[in-house]
Amino acid sequence: MAIIGNMVVPQFMDRFLARTGVEGQERGTPVQPDRQDNLFAPVTPLHRTHGHFGERAKPRAFFANGQAGRAAVVMAGAALFFVLGRLRA
């Protein structure tokens, strides 16, 4: 959803992700103190390619050109207003 939102309203999504991005990556449980990380040096042994949020990851993502995404949203909004106008009349 963040990718589609960024195609349609990029400035809003930049501000939204700046406010909520860090909390969205945090977990409620602490990690083990001896866990390796790549903050100061690369992790040399094989490590997992999926983290704690891997079960929520999707194998595919929808992709559309930013201009096409914005145009689709404008057209959908226009169609919605048209239908609402016809229902009201």
PDB file of N, CA and C in Angstrom:
ATOM      1  N   MET A   1       0.818  -1.181   0.000  1.00  0.00           N
ATOM      2  CA  MET A   1       0.000   0.000   0.000  1.00  0.00           C
ATOM      3  C   MET A   1       0.870   1.256   0.000  1.00  0.00           C
ATOM      4  N   ALA A   2       2.004   1.180   0.657  1.00  0.00           N
ATOM      5  CA  ALA A   2       2.880   2.345   0.696  1.00  0.00           C
ATOM      6  C   ALA A   2       3.414   2.667  -0.691  1.00  0.00           C
ATOM      7  N   ILE A   3       3.667   1.664  -1.502  1.00  0.00           N
ATOM      8  CA  ILE A   3       4.183   1.898  -2.851  1.00  0.00           C
ATOM      9  C   ILE A   3       3.117   2.574  -3.706  1.00  0.00           C
ATOM     10  N   ILE A   4       1.888   2.080  -3.637  1.00  0.00           N
ATOM     11  CA  ILE A   4       0.803   2.692  -4.414  1.00  0.00           C
ATOM     12  C   ILE A   4       0.556   4.110  -3.919  1.00  0.00           C
ATOM     13  N   GLY A   5       0.539   4.298  -2.606  1.00  0.00           N
ATOM     14  CA  GLY A   5       0.352   5.636  -2.058  1.00  0.00           C
ATOM     15  C   GLY A   5       1.452   6.586  -2.488  1.00  0.00           C
ATOM     16  N   ASN A   6       2.673   6.092  -2.566  1.00  0.00           N
ATOM     17  CA  ASN A   6       3.782   6.941  -2.985  1.00  0.00           C
ATOM     18  C   ASN A   6       3.690   7.307  -4.458  1.00  0.00           C
ATOM     19  N   MET A   7       3.066   6.462  -5.275  1.00  0.00           N
ATOM     20  CA  MET A   7       2.874   6.808  -6.685  1.00  0.00           C
ATOM     21  C   MET A   7       1.795   7.881  -6.835  1.00  0.00           C
ATOM     22  N   VAL A   8       0.787   7.853  -5.965  1.00  0.00           N
ATOM     23  CA  VAL A   8      -0.349   8.751  -6.110  1.00  0.00           C
ATOM     24  C   VAL A   8      -0.107  10.087  -5.410  1.00  0.00           C
ATOM     25  N   VAL A   9       0.302  10.052  -4.162  1.00  0.00           N
ATOM     26  CA  VAL A   9       0.534  11.274  -3.383  1.00  0.00           C
ATOM     27  C   VAL A   9       1.912  11.202  -2.715  1.00  0.00           C
ATOM     28  N   PRO A  10       2.980  11.441  -3.465  1.00  0.00           N
ATOM     29  CA  PRO A  10       4.329  11.217  -2.922  1.00  0.00           C
ATOM     30  C   PRO A  10       4.691  12.129  -1.751  1.00  0.00           C
ATOM     31  N   GLN A  11       4.287  13.410  -1.764  1.00  0.00           N
ATOM     32  CA  GLN A  11       4.656  14.306  -0.667  1.00  0.00           C
ATOM     33  C   GLN A  11       4.000  13.874   0.633  1.00  0.00           C
ATOM     34  N   PHE A  12       2.732  13.489   0.571  1.00  0.00           N
ATOM     35  CA  PHE A  12       2.037  13.021   1.769  1.00  0.00           C
ATOM     36  C   PHE A  12       2.702  11.762   2.311  1.00  0.00           C
ATOM     37  N   MET A  13       3.030  10.831   1.420  1.00  0.00           N
ATOM     38  CA  MET A  13       3.637   9.578   1.871  1.00  0.00           C
ATOM     39  C   MET A  13       5.015   9.817   2.478  1.00  0.00           C
ATOM     40  N   ASP A  14       5.779  10.775   1.944  1.00  0.00           N
ATOM     41  CA  ASP A  14       7.074  11.090   2.547  1.00  0.00           C
ATOM     42  C   ASP A  14       6.892  11.541   3.991  1.00  0.00           C
ATOM     43  N   ARG A  15       5.945  12.445   4.229  1.00  0.00           N
ATOM     44  CA  ARG A  15       5.700  12.925   5.591  1.00  0.00           C
ATOM     45  C   ARG A  15       5.160  11.803   6.482  1.00  0.00           C
ATOM     46  N   PHE A  16       4.237  10.993   5.949  1.00  0.00           N
ATOM     47  CA  PHE A  16       3.648   9.904   6.731  1.00  0.00           C
ATOM     48  C   PHE A  16       4.699   8.877   7.139  1.00  0.00           C
ATOM     49  N   LEU A  17       5.537   8.455   6.194  1.00  0.00           N
ATOM     50  CA  LEU A  17       6.558   7.457   6.505  1.00  0.00           C
ATOM     51  C   LEU A  17       7.642   8.023   7.420  1.00  0.00           C
ATOM     52  N   ALA A  18       7.915   9.331   7.330  1.00  0.00           N
ATOM     53  CA  ALA A  18       8.874   9.942   8.245  1.00  0.00           C
ATOM     54  C   ALA A  18       8.350   9.888   9.680  1.00  0.00           C
ATOM     55  N   ARG A  19       7.030  10.028   9.852  1.00  0.00           N
ATOM     56  CA  ARG A  19       6.442   9.978  11.196  1.00  0.00           C
ATOM     57  C   ARG A  19       6.304   8.553  11.723  1.00  0.00           C
ATOM     58  N   THR A  20       5.992   7.594  10.860  1.00  0.00           N
ATOM     59  CA  THR A  20       5.629   6.262  11.335  1.00  0.00           C
ATOM     60  C   THR A  20       6.616   5.167  10.936  1.00  0.00           C
ATOM     61  N   GLY A  21       7.607   5.462  10.143  1.00  0.00           N
ATOM     62  CA  GLY A  21       8.495   4.426   9.620  1.00  0.00           C
ATOM     63  C   GLY A  21       9.293   3.699  10.676  1.00  0.00           C
ATOM     64  N   VAL A  22       9.802   4.418  11.668  1.00  0.00           N
ATOM     65  CA  VAL A  22      10.640   3.775  12.683  1.00  0.00           C
ATOM     66  C   VAL A  22       9.803   2.852  13.551  1.00  0.00           C
ATOM     67  N   GLU A  23       8.641   3.334  14.005  1.00  0.00           N
ATOM     68  CA  GLU A  23       7.791   2.500  14.861  1.00  0.00           C
ATOM     69  C   GLU A  23       7.313   1.252  14.121  1.00  0.00           C
ATOM     70  N   GLY A  24       7.122   1.360  12.813  1.00  0.00           N
ATOM     71  CA  GLY A  24       6.667   0.217  12.046  1.00  0.00           C
ATOM     72  C   GLY A  24       7.705  -0.880  11.927  1.00  0.00           C
ATOM     73  N   GLN A  25       8.968  -0.561  12.179  1.00  0.00           N
ATOM     74  CA  GLN A  25      10.037  -1.553  12.087  1.00  0.00           C
ATOM     75  C   GLN A  25      10.443  -2.101  13.454  1.00  0.00           C
ATOM     76  N   GLU A  26       9.902  -1.551  14.516  1.00  0.00           N
ATOM     77  CA  GLU A  26      10.263  -2.004  15.848  1.00  0.00           C
ATOM     78  C   GLU A  26       9.422  -3.203  16.257  1.00  0.00           C
ATOM     79  N   ARG A  27       9.980  -3.990  17.147  1.00  0.00           N
ATOM     80  CA  ARG A  27       9.277  -5.155  17.689  1.00  0.00           C
ATOM     81  C   ARG A  27       9.064  -4.946  19.174  1.00  0.00           C
ATOM     82  N   GLY A  28       8.139  -5.699  19.708  1.00  0.00           N
ATOM     83  CA  GLY A  28       7.866  -5.596  21.129  1.00  0.00           C
ATOM     84  C   GLY A  28       8.828  -6.381  21.992  1.00  0.00           C
ATOM     85  N   THR A  29       9.563  -7.328  21.397  1.00  0.00           N
ATOM     86  CA  THR A  29      10.503  -8.151  22.159  1.00  0.00           C
ATOM     87  C   THR A  29      11.938  -7.766  21.815  1.00  0.00           C
ATOM     88  N   PRO A  30      12.814  -7.736  22.806  1.00  0.00           N
ATOM     89  CA  PRO A  30      14.211  -7.386  22.518  1.00  0.00           C
ATOM     90  C   PRO A  30      14.939  -8.528  21.811  1.00  0.00           C
ATOM     91  N   VAL A  31      15.986  -8.190  21.080  1.00  0.00           N
ATOM     92  CA  VAL A  31      16.804  -9.207  20.408  1.00  0.00           C
ATOM     93  C   VAL A  31      17.834  -9.757  21.401  1.00  0.00           C
ATOM     94  N   GLN A  32      18.424 -10.911  21.052  1.00  0.00           N
ATOM     95  CA  GLN A  32      19.449 -11.490  21.914  1.00  0.00           C
ATOM     96  C   GLN A  32      20.674 -10.570  21.927  1.00  0.00           C
ATOM     97  N   PRO A  33      21.326 -10.423  23.067  1.00  0.00           N
ATOM     98  CA  PRO A  33      22.477  -9.523  23.137  1.00  0.00           C
ATOM     99  C   PRO A  33      23.659  -9.983  22.284  1.00  0.00           C
ATOM    100  N   ASP A  34      23.771 -11.288  21.992  1.00  0.00           N
ATOM    101  CA  ASP A  34      24.906 -11.777  21.207  1.00  0.00           C
ATOM    102  C   ASP A  34      24.591 -11.858  19.706  1.00  0.00           C
ATOM    103  N   ARG A  35      23.465 -11.334  19.273  1.00  0.00           N
ATOM    104  CA  ARG A  35      23.095 -11.396  17.862  1.00  0.00           C
ATOM    105  C   ARG A  35      24.030 -10.513  17.022  1.00  0.00           C
ATOM    106  N   GLN A  36      24.505 -11.050  15.902  1.00  0.00           N
ATOM    107  CA  GLN A  36      25.380 -10.280  15.020  1.00  0.00           C
ATOM    108  C   GLN A  36      24.549  -9.293  14.209  1.00  0.00           C
ATOM    109  N   ASP A  37      25.138  -8.164  13.936  1.00  0.00           N
ATOM    110  CA  ASP A  37      24.498  -7.201  13.047  1.00  0.00           C
ATOM    111  C   ASP A  37      25.559  -6.604  12.131  1.00  0.00           C
ATOM    112  N   ASN A  38      25.128  -5.852  11.155  1.00  0.00           N
ATOM    113  CA  ASN A  38      26.067  -5.278  10.190  1.00  0.00           C
ATOM    114  C   ASN A  38      26.215  -3.770  10.379  1.00  0.00           C
ATOM    115  N   LEU A  39      26.106  -3.316  11.618  1.00  0.00           N
ATOM    116  CA  LEU A  39      26.224  -1.884  11.878  1.00  0.00           C
ATOM    117  C   LEU A  39      27.646  -1.385  11.635  1.00  0.00           C
ATOM    118  N   PHE A  40      28.654  -2.091  12.123  1.00  0.00           N
ATOM    119  CA  PHE A  40      30.030  -1.642  11.984  1.00  0.00           C
ATOM    120  C   PHE A  40      30.867  -2.525  11.073  1.00  0.00           C
ATOM    121  N   ALA A  41      30.442  -3.752  10.833  1.00  0.00           N
ATOM    122  CA  ALA A  41      31.183  -4.669   9.973  1.00  0.00           C
ATOM    123  C   ALA A  41      30.189  -5.641   9.342  1.00  0.00           C
ATOM    124  N   PRO A  42      30.496  -6.169   8.163  1.00  0.00           N
ATOM    125  CA  PRO A  42      29.576  -7.125   7.545  1.00  0.00           C
ATOM    126  C   PRO A  42      29.472  -8.418   8.351  1.00  0.00           C
ATOM    127  N   VAL A  43      28.339  -9.054   8.252  1.00  0.00           N
ATOM    128  CA  VAL A  43      28.142 -10.346   8.897  1.00  0.00           C
ATOM    129  C   VAL A  43      28.725 -11.390   7.952  1.00  0.00           C
ATOM    130  N   THR A  44      29.791 -12.045   8.369  1.00  0.00           N
ATOM    131  CA  THR A  44      30.496 -12.951   7.459  1.00  0.00           C
ATOM    132  C   THR A  44      29.848 -14.312   7.293  1.00  0.00           C
ATOM    133  N   PRO A  45      29.378 -14.994   8.349  1.00  0.00           N
ATOM    134  CA  PRO A  45      28.750 -16.285   8.076  1.00  0.00           C
ATOM    135  C   PRO A  45      27.402 -16.084   7.379  1.00  0.00           C
ATOM    136  N   LEU A  46      26.889 -17.165   6.845  1.00  0.00           N
ATOM    137  CA  LEU A  46      25.591 -17.063   6.196  1.00  0.00           C
ATOM    138  C   LEU A  46      24.549 -16.614   7.209  1.00  0.00           C
ATOM    139  N   HIS A  47      23.719 -15.731   6.785  1.00  0.00           N
ATOM    140  CA  HIS A  47      22.655 -15.262   7.657  1.00  0.00           C
ATOM    141  C   HIS A  47      21.335 -15.322   6.900  1.00  0.00           C
ATOM    142  N   ARG A  48      20.257 -15.203   7.614  1.00  0.00           N
ATOM    143  CA  ARG A  48      18.936 -15.299   6.999  1.00  0.00           C
ATOM    144  C   ARG A  48      18.680 -14.097   6.093  1.00  0.00           C
ATOM    145  N   THR A  49      17.985 -14.346   5.004  1.00  0.00           N
ATOM    146  CA  THR A  49      17.615 -13.252   4.113  1.00  0.00           C
ATOM    147  C   THR A  49      16.253 -12.686   4.473  1.00  0.00           C
ATOM    148  N   HIS A  50      15.529 -13.356   5.350  1.00  0.00           N
ATOM    149  CA  HIS A  50      14.232 -12.877   5.800  1.00  0.00           C
ATOM    150  C   HIS A  50      14.313 -12.608   7.295  1.00  0.00           C
ATOM    151  N   GLY A  51      13.784 -11.480   7.684  1.00  0.00           N
ATOM    152  CA  GLY A  51      13.804 -11.122   9.097  1.00  0.00           C
ATOM    153  C   GLY A  51      12.538 -11.548   9.812  1.00  0.00           C
ATOM    154  N   HIS A  52      12.265 -10.878  10.902  1.00  0.00           N
ATOM    155  CA  HIS A  52      11.121 -11.225  11.736  1.00  0.00           C
ATOM    156  C   HIS A  52       9.801 -10.890  11.062  1.00  0.00           C
ATOM    157  N   PHE A  53       9.827 -10.037  10.058  1.00  0.00           N
ATOM    158  CA  PHE A  53       8.606  -9.658   9.367  1.00  0.00           C
ATOM    159  C   PHE A  53       8.444 -10.398   8.043  1.00  0.00           C
ATOM    160  N   GLY A  54       9.229 -11.442   7.827  1.00  0.00           N
ATOM    161  CA  GLY A  54       9.194 -12.195   6.580  1.00  0.00           C
ATOM    162  C   GLY A  54       7.866 -12.872   6.303  1.00  0.00           C
ATOM    163  N   GLU A  55       7.150 -13.280   7.353  1.00  0.00           N
ATOM    164  CA  GLU A  55       5.864 -13.940   7.128  1.00  0.00           C
ATOM    165  C   GLU A  55       4.821 -12.983   6.581  1.00  0.00           C
ATOM    166  N   ARG A  56       5.022 -11.686   6.755  1.00  0.00           N
ATOM    167  CA  ARG A  56       4.079 -10.702   6.221  1.00  0.00           C
ATOM    168  C   ARG A  56       4.460 -10.232   4.823  1.00  0.00           C
ATOM    169  N   ALA A  57       5.629 -10.630   4.339  1.00  0.00           N
ATOM    170  CA  ALA A  57       6.099 -10.194   3.023  1.00  0.00           C
ATOM    171  C   ALA A  57       5.302 -10.889   1.922  1.00  0.00           C
ATOM    172  N   LYS A  58       5.132 -10.199   0.827  1.00  0.00           N
ATOM    173  CA  LYS A  58       4.415 -10.738  -0.327  1.00  0.00           C
ATOM    174  C   LYS A  58       5.421 -11.092  -1.421  1.00  0.00           C
ATOM    175  N   PRO A  59       5.170 -12.147  -2.198  1.00  0.00           N
ATOM    176  CA  PRO A  59       6.117 -12.529  -3.244  1.00  0.00           C
ATOM    177  C   PRO A  59       6.074 -11.599  -4.452  1.00  0.00           C
ATOM    178  N   ARG A  60       4.986 -10.866  -4.611  1.00  0.00           N
ATOM    179  CA  ARG A  60       4.844  -9.965  -5.766  1.00  0.00           C
ATOM    180  C   ARG A  60       4.325  -8.620  -5.307  1.00  0.00           C
ATOM    181  N   ALA A  61       4.518  -7.620  -6.154  1.00  0.00           N
ATOM    182  CA  ALA A  61       4.000  -6.283  -5.869  1.00  0.00           C
ATOM    183  C   ALA A  61       3.410  -5.703  -7.142  1.00  0.00           C
ATOM    184  N   PHE A  62       2.348  -4.929  -6.986  1.00  0.00           N
ATOM    185  CA  PHE A  62       1.746  -4.231  -8.107  1.00  0.00           C
ATOM    186  C   PHE A  62       2.638  -3.055  -8.463  1.00  0.00           C
ATOM    187  N   PHE A  63       2.846  -2.830  -9.744  1.00  0.00           N
ATOM    188  CA  PHE A  63       3.669  -1.716 -10.192  1.00  0.00           C
ATOM    189  C   PHE A  63       2.959  -0.977 -11.302  1.00  0.00           C
ATOM    190  N   ALA A  64       2.936   0.309 -11.200  1.00  0.00           N
ATOM    191  CA  ALA A  64       2.401   1.157 -12.259  1.00  0.00           C
ATOM    192  C   ALA A  64       3.222   2.434 -12.302  1.00  0.00           C
ATOM    193  N   ASN A  65       3.283   3.031 -13.445  1.00  0.00           N
ATOM    194  CA  ASN A  65       3.956   4.305 -13.611  1.00  0.00           C
ATOM    195  C   ASN A  65       3.291   5.322 -12.690  1.00  0.00           C
ATOM    196  N   GLY A  66       4.051   6.223 -12.101  1.00  0.00           N
ATOM    197  CA  GLY A  66       3.494   7.226 -11.201  1.00  0.00           C
ATOM    198  C   GLY A  66       2.428   8.077 -11.864  1.00  0.00           C
ATOM    199  N   GLN A  67       2.676   8.506 -13.097  1.00  0.00           N
ATOM    200  CA  GLN A  67       1.683   9.315 -13.816  1.00  0.00           C
ATOM    201  C   GLN A  67       0.420   8.507 -14.061  1.00  0.00           C
ATOM    202  N   ALA A  68       0.564   7.240 -14.430  1.00  0.00           N
ATOM    203  CA  ALA A  68      -0.608   6.400 -14.677  1.00  0.00           C
ATOM    204  C   ALA A  68      -1.381   6.169 -13.384  1.00  0.00           C
ATOM    205  N   GLY A  69      -0.687   5.994 -12.273  1.00  0.00           N
ATOM    206  CA  GLY A  69      -1.349   5.819 -10.985  1.00  0.00           C
ATOM    207  C   GLY A  69      -2.143   7.040 -10.582  1.00  0.00           C
ATOM    208  N   ARG A  70      -1.538   8.210 -10.745  1.00  0.00           N
ATOM    209  CA  ARG A  70      -2.253   9.450 -10.419  1.00  0.00           C
ATOM    210  C   ARG A  70      -3.454   9.643 -11.324  1.00  0.00           C
ATOM    211  N   ALA A  71      -3.287   9.363 -12.617  1.00  0.00           N
ATOM    212  CA  ALA A  71      -4.403   9.492 -13.554  1.00  0.00           C
ATOM    213  C   ALA A  71      -5.526   8.522 -13.202  1.00  0.00           C
ATOM    214  N   ALA A  72      -5.180   7.317 -12.796  1.00  0.00           N
ATOM    215  CA  ALA A  72      -6.206   6.339 -12.419  1.00  0.00           C
ATOM    216  C   ALA A  72      -6.981   6.798 -11.198  1.00  0.00           C
ATOM    217  N   VAL A  73      -6.287   7.381 -10.222  1.00  0.00           N
ATOM    218  CA  VAL A  73      -6.973   7.876  -9.030  1.00  0.00           C
ATOM    219  C   VAL A  73      -7.891   9.038  -9.377  1.00  0.00           C
ATOM    220  N   VAL A  74      -7.431   9.947 -10.226  1.00  0.00           N
ATOM    221  CA  VAL A  74      -8.273  11.075 -10.636  1.00  0.00           C
ATOM    222  C   VAL A  74      -9.493  10.571 -11.396  1.00  0.00           C
ATOM    223  N   MET A  75      -9.302   9.625 -12.292  1.00  0.00           N
ATOM    224  CA  MET A  75     -10.435   9.092 -13.050  1.00  0.00           C
ATOM    225  C   MET A  75     -11.408   8.338 -12.148  1.00  0.00           C
ATOM    226  N   ALA A  76     -10.894   7.592 -11.184  1.00  0.00           N
ATOM    227  CA  ALA A  76     -11.775   6.882 -10.249  1.00  0.00           C
ATOM    228  C   ALA A  76     -12.563   7.870  -9.401  1.00  0.00           C
ATOM    229  N   GLY A  77     -11.907   8.942  -8.973  1.00  0.00           N
ATOM    230  CA  GLY A  77     -12.605   9.979  -8.213  1.00  0.00           C
ATOM    231  C   GLY A  77     -13.673  10.655  -9.047  1.00  0.00           C
ATOM    232  N   ALA A  78     -13.366  10.958 -10.302  1.00  0.00           N
ATOM    233  CA  ALA A  78     -14.352  11.575 -11.188  1.00  0.00           C
ATOM    234  C   ALA A  78     -15.536  10.641 -11.411  1.00  0.00           C
ATOM    235  N   ALA A  79     -15.265   9.354 -11.594  1.00  0.00           N
ATOM    236  CA  ALA A  79     -16.349   8.392 -11.778  1.00  0.00           C
ATOM    237  C   ALA A  79     -17.203   8.291 -10.516  1.00  0.00           C
ATOM    238  N   LEU A  80     -16.567   8.316  -9.356  1.00  0.00           N
ATOM    239  CA  LEU A  80     -17.306   8.266  -8.100  1.00  0.00           C
ATOM    240  C   LEU A  80     -18.223   9.476  -7.958  1.00  0.00           C
ATOM    241  N   PHE A  81     -17.690  10.663  -8.239  1.00  0.00           N
ATOM    242  CA  PHE A  81     -18.521  11.871  -8.157  1.00  0.00           C
ATOM    243  C   PHE A  81     -19.651  11.839  -9.194  1.00  0.00           C
ATOM    244  N   PHE A  82     -19.398  11.311 -10.364  1.00  0.00           N
ATOM    245  CA  PHE A  82     -20.427  11.192 -11.368  1.00  0.00           C
ATOM    246  C   PHE A  82     -21.564  10.282 -10.879  1.00  0.00           C
ATOM    247  N   VAL A  83     -21.187   9.127 -10.337  1.00  0.00           N
ATOM    248  CA  VAL A  83     -22.186   8.169  -9.861  1.00  0.00           C
ATOM    249  C   VAL A  83     -22.964   8.770  -8.688  1.00  0.00           C
ATOM    250  N   LEU A  84     -22.262   9.420  -7.764  1.00  0.00           N
ATOM    251  CA  LEU A  84     -22.962  10.050  -6.640  1.00  0.00           C
ATOM    252  C   LEU A  84     -23.897  11.152  -7.109  1.00  0.00           C
ATOM    253  N   GLY A  85     -23.493  11.902  -8.110  1.00  0.00           N
ATOM    254  CA  GLY A  85     -24.354  12.939  -8.673  1.00  0.00           C
ATOM    255  C   GLY A  85     -25.594  12.366  -9.331  1.00  0.00           C
ATOM    256  N   ARG A  86     -25.405  11.267 -10.043  1.00  0.00           N
ATOM    257  CA  ARG A  86     -26.558  10.628 -10.695  1.00  0.00           C
ATOM    258  C   ARG A  86     -27.512  10.032  -9.660  1.00  0.00           C
ATOM    259  N   LEU A  87     -26.977   9.464  -8.585  1.00  0.00           N
ATOM    260  CA  LEU A  87     -27.835   8.904  -7.547  1.00  0.00           C
ATOM    261  C   LEU A  87     -28.608   9.988  -6.809  1.00  0.00           C
ATOM    262  N   ARG A  88     -27.996  11.128  -6.641  1.00  0.00           N
ATOM    263  CA  ARG A  88     -28.654  12.246  -5.943  1.00  0.00           C
ATOM    264  C   ARG A  88     -29.721  12.888  -6.797  1.00  0.00           C
ATOM    265  N   ALA A  89     -29.539  12.881  -8.113  1.00  0.00           N
ATOM    266  CA  ALA A  89     -30.485  13.545  -9.012  1.00  0.00           C
ATOM    267  C   ALA A  89     -31.745  12.769  -9.236  1.00  0.00           C
TER     268      ALA A  89
END
